[in-house]
């Protein structure tokens, strides 16, 4: 009988990506400053990424991923997601995504931040 691995049990296919992720942790009512990491792989229901520190299992994360596409080749897109830390060891963490949406930076938002 074949032993199942984590990859075999996943409901959704994970896509290997090398993207920047900005995140902040919420645990016991306190919210951390924004940190930065690198996405390893992602699906609609989960993500693994690397960052400088181990994250506490059960912690809630707010994430913003710099997406590699732009609307009409001029308006940058980002993936905004929230999730819960499932595993974390050293610099690698795995999260379950609980909600997500794409945001498009328009000309007016780009002018407001300039």
C-alpha atoms as a PDB file:
ATOM      1  CA  UNK A   1       0.000   0.000   0.000  1.00  0.00           C
ATOM      2  CA  UNK A   2       1.375   3.413  -0.976  1.00  0.00           C
ATOM      3  CA  UNK A   3       1.982   5.828   1.889  1.00  0.00           C
ATOM      4  CA  UNK A   4       0.235   9.172   1.345  1.00  0.00           C
ATOM      5  CA  UNK A   5       2.314  12.336   1.474  1.00  0.00           C
ATOM      6  CA  UNK A   6       1.064  15.872   2.154  1.00  0.00           C
ATOM      7  CA  UNK A   7       1.041  16.548  -1.589  1.00  0.00           C
ATOM      8  CA  UNK A   8      -1.100  13.453  -2.253  1.00  0.00           C
ATOM      9  CA  UNK A   9      -3.771  14.497   0.266  1.00  0.00           C
ATOM     10  CA  UNK A  10      -4.268  18.036  -1.022  1.00  0.00           C
ATOM     11  CA  UNK A  11      -7.630  18.777  -2.562  1.00  0.00           C
ATOM     12  CA  UNK A  12      -6.303  21.599  -4.748  1.00  0.00           C
ATOM     13  CA  UNK A  13      -3.277  21.592  -7.041  1.00  0.00           C
ATOM     14  CA  UNK A  14      -0.439  23.765  -5.755  1.00  0.00           C
ATOM     15  CA  UNK A  15       1.442  25.983  -8.175  1.00  0.00           C
ATOM     16  CA  UNK A  16       5.155  26.590  -7.586  1.00  0.00           C
ATOM     17  CA  UNK A  17       5.782  30.333  -7.585  1.00  0.00           C
ATOM     18  CA  UNK A  18       8.556  32.668  -6.543  1.00  0.00           C
ATOM     19  CA  UNK A  19       6.664  35.814  -5.506  1.00  0.00           C
ATOM     20  CA  UNK A  20       7.036  38.384  -2.753  1.00  0.00           C
ATOM     21  CA  UNK A  21       4.488  38.184   0.064  1.00  0.00           C
ATOM     22  CA  UNK A  22       3.876  40.859   2.708  1.00  0.00           C
ATOM     23  CA  UNK A  23       2.225  39.592   5.878  1.00  0.00           C
ATOM     24  CA  UNK A  24       1.268  40.502   9.400  1.00  0.00           C
ATOM     25  CA  UNK A  25       0.351  38.184  12.220  1.00  0.00           C
ATOM     26  CA  UNK A  26      -2.559  38.523  14.610  1.00  0.00           C
ATOM     27  CA  UNK A  27      -2.328  36.463  17.787  1.00  0.00           C
ATOM     28  CA  UNK A  28      -4.099  36.895  21.121  1.00  0.00           C
ATOM     29  CA  UNK A  29      -5.427  40.319  20.134  1.00  0.00           C
ATOM     30  CA  UNK A  30      -2.095  41.831  19.130  1.00  0.00           C
ATOM     31  CA  UNK A  31      -1.056  42.556  15.541  1.00  0.00           C
ATOM     32  CA  UNK A  32       2.570  42.458  14.408  1.00  0.00           C
ATOM     33  CA  UNK A  33       4.288  44.818  12.019  1.00  0.00           C
ATOM     34  CA  UNK A  34       4.364  43.885   8.345  1.00  0.00           C
ATOM     35  CA  UNK A  35       6.955  41.288   7.440  1.00  0.00           C
ATOM     36  CA  UNK A  36       8.130  40.101   4.055  1.00  0.00           C
ATOM     37  CA  UNK A  37       8.687  36.636   2.661  1.00  0.00           C
ATOM     38  CA  UNK A  38       8.799  34.549  -0.506  1.00  0.00           C
ATOM     39  CA  UNK A  39       5.961  32.337  -1.719  1.00  0.00           C
ATOM     40  CA  UNK A  40       7.014  28.731  -2.352  1.00  0.00           C
ATOM     41  CA  UNK A  41       3.704  27.373  -3.645  1.00  0.00           C
ATOM     42  CA  UNK A  42       0.037  28.388  -3.643  1.00  0.00           C
ATOM     43  CA  UNK A  43      -3.478  27.124  -4.374  1.00  0.00           C
ATOM     44  CA  UNK A  44      -6.913  28.601  -3.756  1.00  0.00           C
ATOM     45  CA  UNK A  45      -6.976  26.953  -0.324  1.00  0.00           C
ATOM     46  CA  UNK A  46      -3.383  27.117   0.901  1.00  0.00           C
ATOM     47  CA  UNK A  47       0.099  28.559   0.591  1.00  0.00           C
ATOM     48  CA  UNK A  48       3.586  27.863   1.809  1.00  0.00           C
ATOM     49  CA  UNK A  49       6.182  30.587   2.084  1.00  0.00           C
ATOM     50  CA  UNK A  50       9.502  31.416   3.665  1.00  0.00           C
ATOM     51  CA  UNK A  51      10.198  34.304   5.994  1.00  0.00           C
ATOM     52  CA  UNK A  52      12.825  35.217   8.602  1.00  0.00           C
ATOM     53  CA  UNK A  53      11.089  33.657  11.591  1.00  0.00           C
ATOM     54  CA  UNK A  54       8.994  30.739  12.680  1.00  0.00           C
ATOM     55  CA  UNK A  55       5.305  31.638  12.977  1.00  0.00           C
ATOM     56  CA  UNK A  56       3.030  30.357  15.768  1.00  0.00           C
ATOM     57  CA  UNK A  57       0.643  27.587  14.737  1.00  0.00           C
ATOM     58  CA  UNK A  58      -2.938  28.854  14.919  1.00  0.00           C
ATOM     59  CA  UNK A  59      -1.919  32.468  14.318  1.00  0.00           C
ATOM     60  CA  UNK A  60      -4.015  34.472  11.869  1.00  0.00           C
ATOM     61  CA  UNK A  61      -2.258  36.086   8.918  1.00  0.00           C
ATOM     62  CA  UNK A  62      -3.146  38.935   6.622  1.00  0.00           C
ATOM     63  CA  UNK A  63      -1.228  38.540   3.343  1.00  0.00           C
ATOM     64  CA  UNK A  64      -0.581  40.611   0.248  1.00  0.00           C
ATOM     65  CA  UNK A  65       1.116  38.826  -2.655  1.00  0.00           C
ATOM     66  CA  UNK A  66       2.682  40.888  -5.451  1.00  0.00           C
ATOM     67  CA  UNK A  67       0.964  39.215  -8.414  1.00  0.00           C
ATOM     68  CA  UNK A  68       2.939  38.707 -11.663  1.00  0.00           C
ATOM     69  CA  UNK A  69       0.188  40.094 -13.930  1.00  0.00           C
ATOM     70  CA  UNK A  70      -1.119  43.581 -14.592  1.00  0.00           C
ATOM     71  CA  UNK A  71      -4.495  44.723 -15.864  1.00  0.00           C
ATOM     72  CA  UNK A  72      -4.163  46.080 -19.382  1.00  0.00           C
ATOM     73  CA  UNK A  73      -0.411  45.685 -18.893  1.00  0.00           C
ATOM     74  CA  UNK A  74      -0.273  48.873 -16.822  1.00  0.00           C
ATOM     75  CA  UNK A  75      -2.197  48.481 -13.540  1.00  0.00           C
ATOM     76  CA  UNK A  76      -0.400  46.240 -11.012  1.00  0.00           C
ATOM     77  CA  UNK A  77      -2.418  43.486  -9.334  1.00  0.00           C
ATOM     78  CA  UNK A  78      -2.043  41.975  -5.892  1.00  0.00           C
ATOM     79  CA  UNK A  79      -3.646  39.055  -4.128  1.00  0.00           C
ATOM     80  CA  UNK A  80      -5.041  39.950  -0.690  1.00  0.00           C
ATOM     81  CA  UNK A  81      -5.687  36.937   1.518  1.00  0.00           C
ATOM     82  CA  UNK A  82      -6.158  35.897   5.097  1.00  0.00           C
ATOM     83  CA  UNK A  83      -5.370  32.553   6.620  1.00  0.00           C
ATOM     84  CA  UNK A  84      -4.327  30.459   9.585  1.00  0.00           C
ATOM     85  CA  UNK A  85      -0.853  29.043  10.224  1.00  0.00           C
ATOM     86  CA  UNK A  86      -1.036  25.236  10.011  1.00  0.00           C
ATOM     87  CA  UNK A  87       2.659  24.401  10.245  1.00  0.00           C
ATOM     88  CA  UNK A  88       5.826  26.369  10.763  1.00  0.00           C
ATOM     89  CA  UNK A  89       9.364  25.093  11.074  1.00  0.00           C
ATOM     90  CA  UNK A  90      12.366  27.353  10.869  1.00  0.00           C
ATOM     91  CA  UNK A  91      11.780  29.803   8.055  1.00  0.00           C
ATOM     92  CA  UNK A  92       9.055  27.819   6.209  1.00  0.00           C
ATOM     93  CA  UNK A  93       5.350  28.117   7.045  1.00  0.00           C
ATOM     94  CA  UNK A  94       2.186  26.568   5.610  1.00  0.00           C
ATOM     95  CA  UNK A  95      -1.170  28.295   5.893  1.00  0.00           C
ATOM     96  CA  UNK A  96      -4.786  27.524   5.088  1.00  0.00           C
ATOM     97  CA  UNK A  97      -6.304  30.394   3.122  1.00  0.00           C
ATOM     98  CA  UNK A  98      -9.684  31.383   4.571  1.00  0.00           C
ATOM     99  CA  UNK A  99     -10.474  34.272   2.194  1.00  0.00           C
ATOM    100  CA  UNK A 100      -8.892  35.939  -0.812  1.00  0.00           C
ATOM    101  CA  UNK A 101      -9.494  38.639  -3.405  1.00  0.00           C
ATOM    102  CA  UNK A 102      -7.515  40.342  -6.161  1.00  0.00           C
ATOM    103  CA  UNK A 103      -7.010  44.092  -6.110  1.00  0.00           C
ATOM    104  CA  UNK A 104      -6.048  46.204  -9.091  1.00  0.00           C
ATOM    105  CA  UNK A 105      -4.138  49.425  -8.579  1.00  0.00           C
ATOM    106  CA  UNK A 106      -5.869  52.031 -10.722  1.00  0.00           C
ATOM    107  CA  UNK A 107      -4.493  55.302 -12.019  1.00  0.00           C
ATOM    108  CA  UNK A 108      -6.216  57.193  -9.191  1.00  0.00           C
ATOM    109  CA  UNK A 109      -4.779  54.968  -6.437  1.00  0.00           C
ATOM    110  CA  UNK A 110      -1.335  55.138  -8.035  1.00  0.00           C
ATOM    111  CA  UNK A 111      -1.531  58.986  -8.026  1.00  0.00           C
ATOM    112  CA  UNK A 112      -2.697  59.027  -4.373  1.00  0.00           C
ATOM    113  CA  UNK A 113       0.315  57.000  -3.216  1.00  0.00           C
ATOM    114  CA  UNK A 114       2.874  58.946  -5.267  1.00  0.00           C
END
